[in-house]
Structure formats: structure tokens, C-alpha cells
Amino acid sequence: MNKLGWDIFKKQASSYKNVVIHWIMSAKQESTRLSRLEKTININEQQKRMRLKNES
């Protein structure tokens, strides 16, 4: 586990975390879930948030 990425993710708002977790877990294939998880970790390492459809 990437400690920096995890620490940054934990500090995000609950609503943001719920959307990201749902996006990861809603993938039908395991390979897609892993890919989405890796993308989330990489973005968090950069201390950035993922751009979600509902965000402007």
C-alpha cells in the first residue's frame, strides 16, 4: 500500500471517497478494478483529486 496516497485519500470528504470507491468497485472485471485502483493511488500520490462527472 502507498502510505502517502492512502493518507491523502483518507483526508478527503466522505462523499468524494464514496463516489471513488463506488467507481472502483462497480467495474465488472477484476483487471478493471485493479486499474482504477492504481489510477486512484497515482492521483492521490500527486496530492490531487480525481475529476468526477458531478464536479465542475
Foldseek 3Di string as FASTA:
>chain_A
DDPQLVVLLVPDDPVLNVVLVCVLVVDPDPVSSVVSVVVSSVCSNVVHGDDDPPDD
